[in-house]
Amino acid sequence: MALLPASAVSEVVQSCSQIFSSSEKRDDAGIQPVIVQSGGASNCNIETEETGGQGNMESNIPRADGFPFSFGVFQSYYTTHPPFSDHASSIAVIGTCSTGVMYLFAPFSLYALEAWPSIRRRTSIFGLVLAVTTLIASSFSTAVWHLIVTQGVLYAIGGSFLYAPTVFYLDEWFIKRKGLAFGVMWAGVGTSGLILPFLLTALLDKYGFRTTLRAWAILLLILCTPLIYFVRGRVPIPSTPAPRKALSYRFLLTQTFLWLQASNIIESLGFFVPSIYLPSYARSIGLSSVSSTILLALLNLFSVVGAITLGHLCDRLHVTTVIGISTLGSTLSITLLWGFGSNFPILVVFAAVYGIFAGGFSAIWTGIGAVLSGPVTELLLAYGGFDTGGLKIGYGTRYGALIAFTGVSAACGVVCFGARWRRS
C-alpha cells in the first residue's frame, strides 16, 4: 500500500535543517566534505564518489524491533485465550496503536531532536527504557484496555524515541543513494518480522502471554543496548548551538503536501490490516497455527525486498510514480489473491506480492489512518462477508468486508497523482 516512502523522512529532516541550521555549501559536484556549524541533520552531507554514500554502515544497522509488525500472532492468541477473548472486538486496536501511534508521534520527536541535537543519544536510551518498561507492565494486564495503553500507546511512544535519532544519523551519511539507504534501514523491520512470529508463537503456545512479553522485553534490552552505543552521526554536535529561526508552516497549504497527505491518510486505514488479520484469517479457514505464522513471516520477509527496491526506485523516479507502482501491486494482490484465496498456496503468493508492493512503505506519516483503522476494522468484521453463491473464497468469510475495504483503501494511492497536477 502506497504510503509516503521511507525517503520522505529524509526530506522532512532536510526541511527542518533549512529552518534551524546554517551550513557551508558543498561545491557543485556535491561530493566534497563540509564544515557544518549546526548539529542538525543537515542536507550538507559527505558522500564521495568512491564510497557512494556507504561511508558509515553503523548508521545503517536495521531496526532491531519488528515487534509491532508481528502483532498478528498476538491478535490470534488474545482472541482465543482468556482473559481477553471475552472482549475480542477491541483487540485490533492494540496492534493499530502500536504501529500508528509510533508513526503519528514521529513528527514531534523529529522536531525535538532537530531543535536540541545534544539529546539524541539520551533520547534513544529513554525510548528503550520506556519500551522495555511498558512491555513488562503489559504482562500484568487483565483487561484489553490495559494492553491498549501499555503494549499499544506507551510502547509505541517509546519505540518512536528509540529509532528517531537514527533518521538523523542516516541522513548525515547519505546523499545520492539516500532512498536506497533508508530502504535498507527500514528493511530491518521485515527482517526481524521474519524471525519474531515463529519465536513469539512458540513462546505463547508454551508459556502464555505474560512470560512471552517479559522475555521479549529482556531480549529487546539486550539487542538494542549495544546498537545505541555504536550507531552515531557523522556531524559533531557543536558546543554552542546555532540560533534557530521561526518555523514556517506554509508547506501545510501547498498542493503537493495536501494531495500526498490525503492519499497517505486514506491508504493507512488499511495498511496494517494484512499483518494484523492474516494469521487470524488463516486459522478461520482451517489452516494450522504453524501455517498462519509462516504467512506472517513471509509477508515480513518480502517487505524487506519491497523496502530496498522501492527505496532504490525513489532515487530514480518521481515519488508519485513509485507510489503508483506500489498502489497497483497492492490493490491487485488484495482484491484478487486475498479476496479469492481459500488455501495455503494462494495466501503464500498473496503474502509475497503484498509484502513486495506494500511493505516497502514502512516509513512515517501513517499514524492518523493507522490509529483509526482499529475501530474501523472491528466494525467491518461485525458486518461479515458477502454472498458468494457457496464459493469458498475470502469474500465469503467474516473477513469479506474487511478484505474489500483494504483493497479500496490501497487503490486510493491514485490520489497522490494530484500532487503532479498544476493549475494553468
Protein backbone atom coordinates (compact mmCIF):
# COMPACT_ATOMS: atom_id res chain seq x y z
CA MET A 1 0.00 0.00 0.00
CA ALA A 2 1.49 3.26 -1.08
CA LEU A 3 2.22 5.35 1.97
CA LEU A 4 4.82 8.08 1.84
CA PRO A 5 8.08 6.28 1.11
CA ALA A 6 10.94 5.96 3.55
CA SER A 7 12.99 8.55 1.71
CA ALA A 8 10.31 11.11 2.59
CA VAL A 9 11.67 11.05 6.11
CA SER A 10 14.88 12.46 4.73
CA GLU A 11 13.03 15.32 3.06
CA VAL A 12 11.40 16.25 6.36
CA VAL A 13 14.74 16.20 8.12
CA GLN A 14 16.27 18.36 5.38
CA SER A 15 13.40 20.83 5.55
CA CYS A 16 13.93 21.18 9.28
CA SER A 17 17.62 21.71 8.68
CA GLN A 18 16.96 24.59 6.30
CA ILE A 19 14.97 26.25 9.04
CA PHE A 20 17.16 25.52 12.05
CA SER A 21 20.68 25.12 10.68
CA SER A 22 23.28 27.22 8.90
CA SER A 23 25.91 25.30 6.98
CA GLU A 24 28.62 25.92 4.47
CA LYS A 25 27.68 24.73 1.00
CA ARG A 26 29.21 21.87 -0.96
CA ASP A 27 30.75 22.51 -4.30
CA ASP A 28 28.63 21.97 -7.41
CA ALA A 29 29.56 18.33 -7.58
CA GLY A 30 28.08 17.80 -4.16
CA ILE A 31 30.78 15.36 -3.11
CA GLN A 32 33.21 17.35 -1.01
CA PRO A 33 33.39 17.34 2.80
CA VAL A 34 31.90 20.37 4.50
CA ILE A 35 32.12 22.09 7.86
CA VAL A 36 28.70 22.16 9.45
CA GLN A 37 28.09 24.75 12.12
CA SER A 38 24.96 23.09 13.45
CA GLY A 39 24.44 19.69 14.93
CA GLY A 40 21.23 19.24 13.00
CA ALA A 41 20.66 16.64 10.35
CA SER A 42 21.86 18.83 7.58
CA ASN A 43 21.46 18.31 3.90
CA CYS A 44 25.15 19.08 3.58
CA ASN A 45 26.30 15.51 3.96
CA ILE A 46 29.50 13.80 2.99
CA GLU A 47 29.37 11.27 0.19
CA THR A 48 32.32 10.72 -2.08
CA GLU A 49 32.34 9.11 -5.48
CA GLU A 50 34.45 6.35 -4.03
CA THR A 51 32.12 5.45 -1.19
CA GLY A 52 28.86 6.14 -3.00
CA GLY A 53 27.30 7.02 0.30
CA GLN A 54 28.41 3.92 2.15
CA GLY A 55 30.94 5.56 4.39
CA ASN A 56 29.36 4.52 7.68
CA MET A 57 27.45 1.30 7.84
CA GLU A 58 27.00 1.77 11.57
CA SER A 59 24.26 4.27 10.86
CA ASN A 60 22.58 1.76 8.60
CA ILE A 61 22.06 -1.00 11.16
CA PRO A 62 18.46 -2.20 10.73
CA ARG A 63 15.98 -1.59 13.48
CA ALA A 64 16.14 -4.44 15.96
CA ASP A 65 12.47 -4.20 16.83
CA GLY A 66 9.89 -5.53 14.38
CA PHE A 67 7.64 -6.41 17.31
CA PRO A 68 4.62 -4.27 16.29
CA PHE A 69 4.66 -5.82 12.81
CA SER A 70 4.34 -9.27 14.36
CA PHE A 71 1.23 -8.34 16.30
CA GLY A 72 -0.86 -10.68 14.16
CA VAL A 73 0.46 -13.52 16.33
CA PHE A 74 -0.81 -11.78 19.48
CA GLN A 75 -4.09 -10.92 17.73
CA SER A 76 -4.72 -14.60 17.10
CA TYR A 77 -3.74 -15.52 20.67
CA TYR A 78 -5.67 -12.81 22.51
CA THR A 79 -8.89 -13.51 20.63
CA THR A 80 -8.85 -17.19 21.62
CA HIS A 81 -7.49 -17.12 25.18
CA PRO A 82 -8.79 -15.62 28.43
CA PRO A 83 -8.85 -13.09 29.96
CA PHE A 84 -9.13 -11.14 26.71
CA SER A 85 -11.23 -13.43 24.50
CA ASP A 86 -14.45 -12.13 26.08
CA HIS A 87 -13.73 -8.66 24.63
CA ALA A 88 -12.17 -9.70 21.33
CA SER A 89 -13.79 -6.84 19.40
CA SER A 90 -11.30 -4.31 20.81
CA ILE A 91 -8.11 -6.34 20.43
CA ALA A 92 -7.23 -4.99 16.97
CA VAL A 93 -6.86 -1.51 18.49
CA ILE A 94 -3.75 -2.74 20.32
CA GLY A 95 -1.97 -3.52 17.06
CA THR A 96 -3.04 -0.40 15.21
CA CYS A 97 -1.96 1.75 18.17
CA SER A 98 1.44 0.07 18.48
CA THR A 99 2.18 0.95 14.85
CA GLY A 100 0.05 4.02 14.23
CA VAL A 101 0.96 5.95 17.37
CA MET A 102 4.65 5.26 16.73
CA TYR A 103 4.35 6.91 13.32
CA LEU A 104 1.99 9.65 14.50
CA PHE A 105 4.37 10.64 17.27
CA ALA A 106 7.36 10.81 14.90
CA PRO A 107 6.91 14.46 13.81
CA PHE A 108 7.13 15.58 17.44
CA SER A 109 10.20 13.50 18.23
CA LEU A 110 11.92 14.58 14.99
CA TYR A 111 11.18 18.24 15.75
CA ALA A 112 12.61 17.95 19.26
CA LEU A 113 15.75 16.15 18.08
CA GLU A 114 16.37 18.73 15.36
CA ALA A 115 15.93 21.60 17.81
CA TRP A 116 18.11 20.00 20.50
CA PRO A 117 20.61 17.66 18.80
CA SER A 118 22.56 17.09 22.01
CA ILE A 119 19.74 14.92 23.41
CA ARG A 120 19.65 12.41 20.55
CA ARG A 121 21.68 9.70 22.23
CA ARG A 122 19.82 10.14 25.52
CA THR A 123 16.51 10.05 23.64
CA SER A 124 17.30 6.57 22.33
CA ILE A 125 18.14 5.44 25.87
CA PHE A 126 14.90 6.91 27.20
CA GLY A 127 12.92 5.27 24.40
CA LEU A 128 14.46 1.87 25.10
CA VAL A 129 13.75 2.14 28.83
CA LEU A 130 10.15 3.19 28.15
CA ALA A 131 9.58 0.38 25.63
CA VAL A 132 11.02 -2.28 27.93
CA THR A 133 9.09 -0.96 30.95
CA THR A 134 5.75 -0.87 29.15
CA LEU A 135 6.24 -4.40 27.80
CA ILE A 136 6.79 -5.68 31.32
CA ALA A 137 3.80 -3.67 32.54
CA SER A 138 1.62 -5.14 29.77
CA SER A 139 2.43 -8.64 31.03
CA PHE A 140 0.37 -7.85 34.13
CA SER A 141 -2.70 -6.85 32.10
CA THR A 142 -6.09 -8.30 32.98
CA ALA A 143 -8.23 -6.30 30.53
CA VAL A 144 -7.95 -5.29 26.88
CA TRP A 145 -7.70 -1.60 27.72
CA HIS A 146 -4.60 -2.35 29.81
CA LEU A 147 -2.96 -3.78 26.67
CA ILE A 148 -4.08 -0.82 24.56
CA VAL A 149 -2.38 1.62 26.95
CA THR A 150 0.83 -0.39 27.51
CA GLN A 151 1.52 -2.65 24.52
CA GLY A 152 -0.22 -0.18 22.24
CA VAL A 153 0.21 3.52 23.03
CA LEU A 154 3.11 3.76 25.53
CA TYR A 155 5.20 1.11 23.79
CA ALA A 156 4.74 2.99 20.51
CA ILE A 157 5.94 6.26 22.05
CA GLY A 158 9.00 4.52 23.43
CA GLY A 159 9.68 2.97 20.04
CA SER A 160 9.41 6.36 18.36
CA PHE A 161 12.00 7.87 20.71
CA LEU A 162 14.20 4.81 20.26
CA TYR A 163 14.52 4.91 16.47
CA ALA A 164 14.06 8.64 15.70
CA PRO A 165 17.75 9.58 16.18
CA THR A 166 18.80 7.04 13.53
CA VAL A 167 16.83 9.02 10.95
CA PHE A 168 19.17 11.96 11.51
CA TYR A 169 22.27 9.78 11.59
CA LEU A 170 21.45 8.16 8.28
CA ASP A 171 20.58 11.49 6.70
CA GLU A 172 24.06 12.76 7.58
CA TRP A 173 25.82 9.87 5.83
CA PHE A 174 23.96 9.52 2.53
CA ILE A 175 23.06 11.81 -0.37
CA LYS A 176 22.94 10.20 -3.79
CA ARG A 177 21.55 6.87 -2.65
CA LYS A 178 19.57 8.11 0.31
CA GLY A 179 16.37 6.41 -0.77
CA LEU A 180 18.17 3.08 -1.02
CA ALA A 181 19.86 3.65 2.34
CA PHE A 182 16.56 4.37 4.08
CA GLY A 183 15.03 1.37 2.33
CA VAL A 184 17.75 -0.92 3.69
CA MET A 185 17.37 0.54 7.19
CA TRP A 186 13.61 0.11 7.23
CA ALA A 187 14.04 -3.38 5.82
CA GLY A 188 15.24 -4.24 9.32
CA VAL A 189 11.58 -4.23 10.34
CA GLY A 190 10.86 -7.01 7.88
CA THR A 191 14.00 -8.92 8.82
CA SER A 192 13.06 -9.09 12.47
CA GLY A 193 9.46 -9.69 11.44
CA LEU A 194 10.60 -12.86 9.69
CA ILE A 195 12.00 -14.37 12.88
CA LEU A 196 9.72 -12.97 15.55
CA PRO A 197 6.44 -14.63 14.51
CA PHE A 198 7.94 -18.10 14.98
CA LEU A 199 9.61 -17.15 18.25
CA LEU A 200 6.50 -15.45 19.64
CA THR A 201 4.19 -18.27 18.56
CA ALA A 202 6.37 -20.85 20.28
CA LEU A 203 6.56 -18.79 23.47
CA LEU A 204 2.84 -18.02 23.52
CA ASP A 205 1.85 -21.64 22.99
CA LYS A 206 4.19 -22.91 25.69
CA TYR A 207 4.34 -20.15 28.31
CA GLY A 208 1.44 -17.77 27.66
CA PHE A 209 1.43 -14.05 27.00
CA ARG A 210 2.80 -12.91 30.36
CA THR A 211 6.10 -14.78 30.12
CA THR A 212 6.35 -14.01 26.40
CA LEU A 213 6.09 -10.26 26.92
CA ARG A 214 8.67 -10.31 29.71
CA ALA A 215 11.04 -12.45 27.67
CA TRP A 216 10.78 -10.09 24.69
CA ALA A 217 11.38 -7.08 26.94
CA ILE A 218 14.64 -8.62 28.13
CA LEU A 219 15.66 -9.60 24.59
CA LEU A 220 14.88 -6.09 23.31
CA LEU A 221 17.11 -4.61 26.01
CA ILE A 222 19.97 -6.96 25.11
CA LEU A 223 19.66 -6.32 21.35
CA CYS A 224 19.29 -2.55 21.38
CA THR A 225 21.73 -1.51 24.12
CA PRO A 226 24.90 -2.10 22.02
CA LEU A 227 23.27 -0.52 18.95
CA ILE A 228 22.60 2.70 20.87
CA TYR A 229 26.27 2.84 21.76
CA PHE A 230 27.68 2.18 18.27
CA VAL A 231 25.19 3.96 15.99
CA ARG A 232 26.12 7.61 15.69
CA GLY A 233 26.00 10.56 13.32
CA ARG A 234 28.75 11.94 11.10
CA VAL A 235 28.47 15.60 12.12
CA PRO A 236 29.87 16.51 15.57
CA ILE A 237 27.44 18.23 17.89
CA PRO A 238 28.58 21.85 18.36
CA SER A 239 29.27 23.15 21.84
CA THR A 240 27.28 26.30 21.05
CA PRO A 241 24.08 25.60 19.10
CA ALA A 242 23.36 27.87 16.15
CA PRO A 243 20.44 30.27 16.61
CA ARG A 244 17.15 28.81 15.43
CA LYS A 245 14.75 30.54 13.11
CA ALA A 246 10.99 30.53 13.50
CA LEU A 247 9.20 27.62 11.87
CA SER A 248 7.19 28.20 8.73
CA TYR A 249 4.08 26.08 8.23
CA ARG A 250 3.29 27.33 4.74
CA PHE A 251 4.03 23.89 3.32
CA LEU A 252 0.81 22.62 5.01
CA LEU A 253 -1.21 24.52 2.41
CA THR A 254 0.82 23.52 -0.63
CA GLN A 255 -0.80 21.40 -3.30
CA THR A 256 1.88 18.73 -3.13
CA PHE A 257 1.53 18.23 0.61
CA LEU A 258 -2.27 18.16 0.62
CA TRP A 259 -2.56 15.59 -2.16
CA LEU A 260 0.14 13.30 -0.80
CA GLN A 261 -1.19 13.54 2.75
CA ALA A 262 -4.76 12.85 1.64
CA SER A 263 -3.58 9.75 -0.21
CA ASN A 264 -1.49 8.74 2.75
CA ILE A 265 -4.25 9.02 5.37
CA ILE A 266 -6.83 7.15 3.31
CA GLU A 267 -4.44 4.33 2.48
CA SER A 268 -3.17 3.95 6.01
CA LEU A 269 -6.68 2.96 7.08
CA GLY A 270 -5.98 -0.44 5.57
CA PHE A 271 -2.19 -0.58 5.50
CA PHE A 272 -1.73 -2.73 8.62
CA VAL A 273 -4.80 -4.93 8.11
CA PRO A 274 -2.99 -7.86 6.43
CA SER A 275 -0.21 -8.02 9.03
CA ILE A 276 -2.78 -7.96 11.85
CA TYR A 277 -5.53 -10.17 10.45
CA LEU A 278 -3.80 -12.57 8.06
CA PRO A 279 -2.93 -15.11 10.81
CA SER A 280 -6.48 -15.00 12.20
CA TYR A 281 -7.93 -15.34 8.71
CA ALA A 282 -5.71 -18.34 8.03
CA ARG A 283 -6.91 -20.02 11.22
CA SER A 284 -10.53 -19.27 10.32
CA ILE A 285 -10.28 -21.23 7.04
CA GLY A 286 -8.77 -24.24 8.78
CA LEU A 287 -5.03 -23.67 8.49
CA SER A 288 -2.78 -24.60 11.40
CA SER A 289 -1.06 -22.14 13.71
CA VAL A 290 2.24 -23.00 12.03
CA SER A 291 0.85 -22.15 8.60
CA SER A 292 -0.60 -18.86 9.83
CA THR A 293 2.75 -17.95 11.37
CA ILE A 294 4.54 -18.79 8.12
CA LEU A 295 2.25 -16.44 6.22
CA LEU A 296 3.03 -13.54 8.55
CA ALA A 297 6.75 -14.31 8.39
CA LEU A 298 6.66 -14.38 4.57
CA LEU A 299 4.84 -11.06 4.46
CA ASN A 300 7.57 -9.52 6.61
CA LEU A 301 10.30 -11.23 4.58
CA PHE A 302 9.11 -9.85 1.27
CA SER A 303 8.64 -6.46 2.90
CA VAL A 304 12.45 -6.41 3.09
CA VAL A 305 12.62 -6.85 -0.68
CA GLY A 306 9.99 -4.16 -1.15
CA ALA A 307 11.69 -1.69 1.17
CA ILE A 308 15.02 -1.95 -0.63
CA THR A 309 13.53 -2.00 -4.13
CA LEU A 310 11.09 0.88 -3.69
CA GLY A 311 13.68 2.89 -1.78
CA HIS A 312 16.05 2.46 -4.73
CA LEU A 313 13.32 3.49 -7.18
CA CYS A 314 12.68 6.67 -5.16
CA ASP A 315 16.23 7.73 -6.01
CA ARG A 316 15.50 7.40 -9.73
CA LEU A 317 11.79 8.05 -10.32
CA HIS A 318 9.24 10.64 -9.26
CA VAL A 319 7.73 9.75 -5.90
CA THR A 320 4.21 9.56 -7.32
CA THR A 321 5.40 7.07 -9.94
CA VAL A 322 6.76 4.84 -7.19
CA ILE A 323 3.52 5.19 -5.22
CA GLY A 324 1.61 4.29 -8.37
CA ILE A 325 3.63 1.08 -8.78
CA SER A 326 3.03 0.19 -5.16
CA THR A 327 -0.67 1.01 -5.41
CA LEU A 328 -1.22 -1.20 -8.44
CA GLY A 329 0.58 -4.20 -6.97
CA SER A 330 -1.03 -3.82 -3.54
CA THR A 331 -4.56 -3.41 -4.87
CA LEU A 332 -4.37 -6.41 -7.20
CA SER A 333 -2.85 -8.63 -4.53
CA ILE A 334 -5.60 -7.79 -2.02
CA THR A 335 -8.62 -7.92 -4.33
CA LEU A 336 -7.57 -11.00 -6.30
CA LEU A 337 -5.25 -13.11 -4.18
CA TRP A 338 -6.56 -12.46 -0.66
CA GLY A 339 -10.16 -11.91 -1.76
CA PHE A 340 -10.29 -15.23 -3.61
CA GLY A 341 -7.70 -17.03 -1.51
CA SER A 342 -9.03 -20.00 0.40
CA ASN A 343 -5.96 -22.22 0.64
CA PHE A 344 -2.37 -22.01 1.79
CA PRO A 345 -0.59 -21.76 -1.63
CA ILE A 346 -2.67 -18.76 -2.75
CA LEU A 347 -2.16 -16.99 0.56
CA VAL A 348 1.59 -17.59 0.27
CA VAL A 349 1.56 -15.81 -3.09
CA PHE A 350 -0.52 -13.00 -1.57
CA ALA A 351 1.93 -12.55 1.32
CA ALA A 352 4.82 -12.34 -1.12
CA VAL A 353 3.21 -9.92 -3.58
CA TYR A 354 1.69 -7.68 -0.92
CA GLY A 355 4.95 -7.66 1.01
CA ILE A 356 6.89 -6.51 -2.04
CA PHE A 357 4.50 -3.79 -3.20
CA ALA A 358 3.13 -2.55 0.14
CA GLY A 359 5.81 -3.47 2.66
CA GLY A 360 8.30 -1.05 1.15
CA PHE A 361 6.50 1.89 2.66
CA SER A 362 7.27 1.28 6.33
CA ALA A 363 8.02 4.93 6.91
CA ILE A 364 6.31 7.65 8.96
CA TRP A 365 3.19 9.79 8.48
CA THR A 366 0.80 6.80 8.54
CA GLY A 367 -0.32 7.43 12.10
CA ILE A 368 -3.73 9.08 11.73
CA GLY A 369 -5.24 6.45 9.48
CA ALA A 370 -3.47 3.60 11.23
CA VAL A 371 -4.89 4.52 14.63
CA LEU A 372 -8.40 4.89 13.18
CA SER A 373 -8.15 1.58 11.35
CA GLY A 374 -8.58 -0.38 14.61
CA PRO A 375 -12.20 0.63 15.29
CA VAL A 376 -12.99 0.66 11.56
CA THR A 377 -11.80 -2.90 11.02
CA GLU A 378 -13.75 -4.15 14.02
CA LEU A 379 -16.94 -2.69 12.55
CA LEU A 380 -16.18 -4.38 9.24
CA LEU A 381 -15.65 -7.70 10.97
CA ALA A 382 -19.02 -7.28 12.67
CA TYR A 383 -20.58 -6.72 9.24
CA GLY A 384 -19.15 -10.01 7.99
CA GLY A 385 -18.78 -11.22 4.42
CA PHE A 386 -20.74 -11.29 1.16
CA ASP A 387 -22.95 -13.81 -0.55
CA THR A 388 -20.62 -15.68 -2.89
CA GLY A 389 -23.07 -18.31 -4.03
CA GLY A 390 -21.44 -21.03 -1.99
CA LEU A 391 -17.93 -20.35 -3.28
CA LYS A 392 -15.29 -20.83 -0.58
CA ILE A 393 -13.35 -17.62 -1.06
CA GLY A 394 -12.18 -14.83 1.20
CA TYR A 395 -15.05 -12.52 0.33
CA GLY A 396 -17.49 -15.12 1.64
CA THR A 397 -15.96 -15.36 5.11
CA ARG A 398 -16.49 -13.00 8.05
CA TYR A 399 -13.42 -11.16 6.76
CA GLY A 400 -15.07 -10.36 3.40
CA ALA A 401 -15.95 -6.72 4.07
CA LEU A 402 -12.55 -6.20 5.68
CA ILE A 403 -10.74 -7.52 2.60
CA ALA A 404 -12.84 -5.35 0.27
CA PHE A 405 -12.20 -2.26 2.39
CA THR A 406 -8.45 -2.92 2.42
CA GLY A 407 -8.42 -3.22 -1.36
CA VAL A 408 -10.32 0.04 -1.80
CA SER A 409 -8.01 1.90 0.58
CA ALA A 410 -5.00 0.55 -1.32
CA ALA A 411 -6.44 1.78 -4.61
CA CYS A 412 -6.68 5.30 -3.17
CA GLY A 413 -2.98 5.65 -3.88
CA VAL A 414 -4.04 7.21 -7.18
CA VAL A 415 -4.99 10.30 -5.18
CA CYS A 416 -1.28 11.08 -4.92
CA PHE A 417 -1.12 11.94 -8.63
CA GLY A 418 -2.94 15.15 -7.78
CA ALA A 419 0.44 16.33 -6.46
CA ARG A 420 1.71 16.41 -10.05
CA TRP A 421 -1.23 18.40 -11.32
CA ARG A 422 -0.54 22.07 -11.95
CA ARG A 423 -3.10 24.79 -12.39
CA SER A 424 -2.82 26.50 -15.74
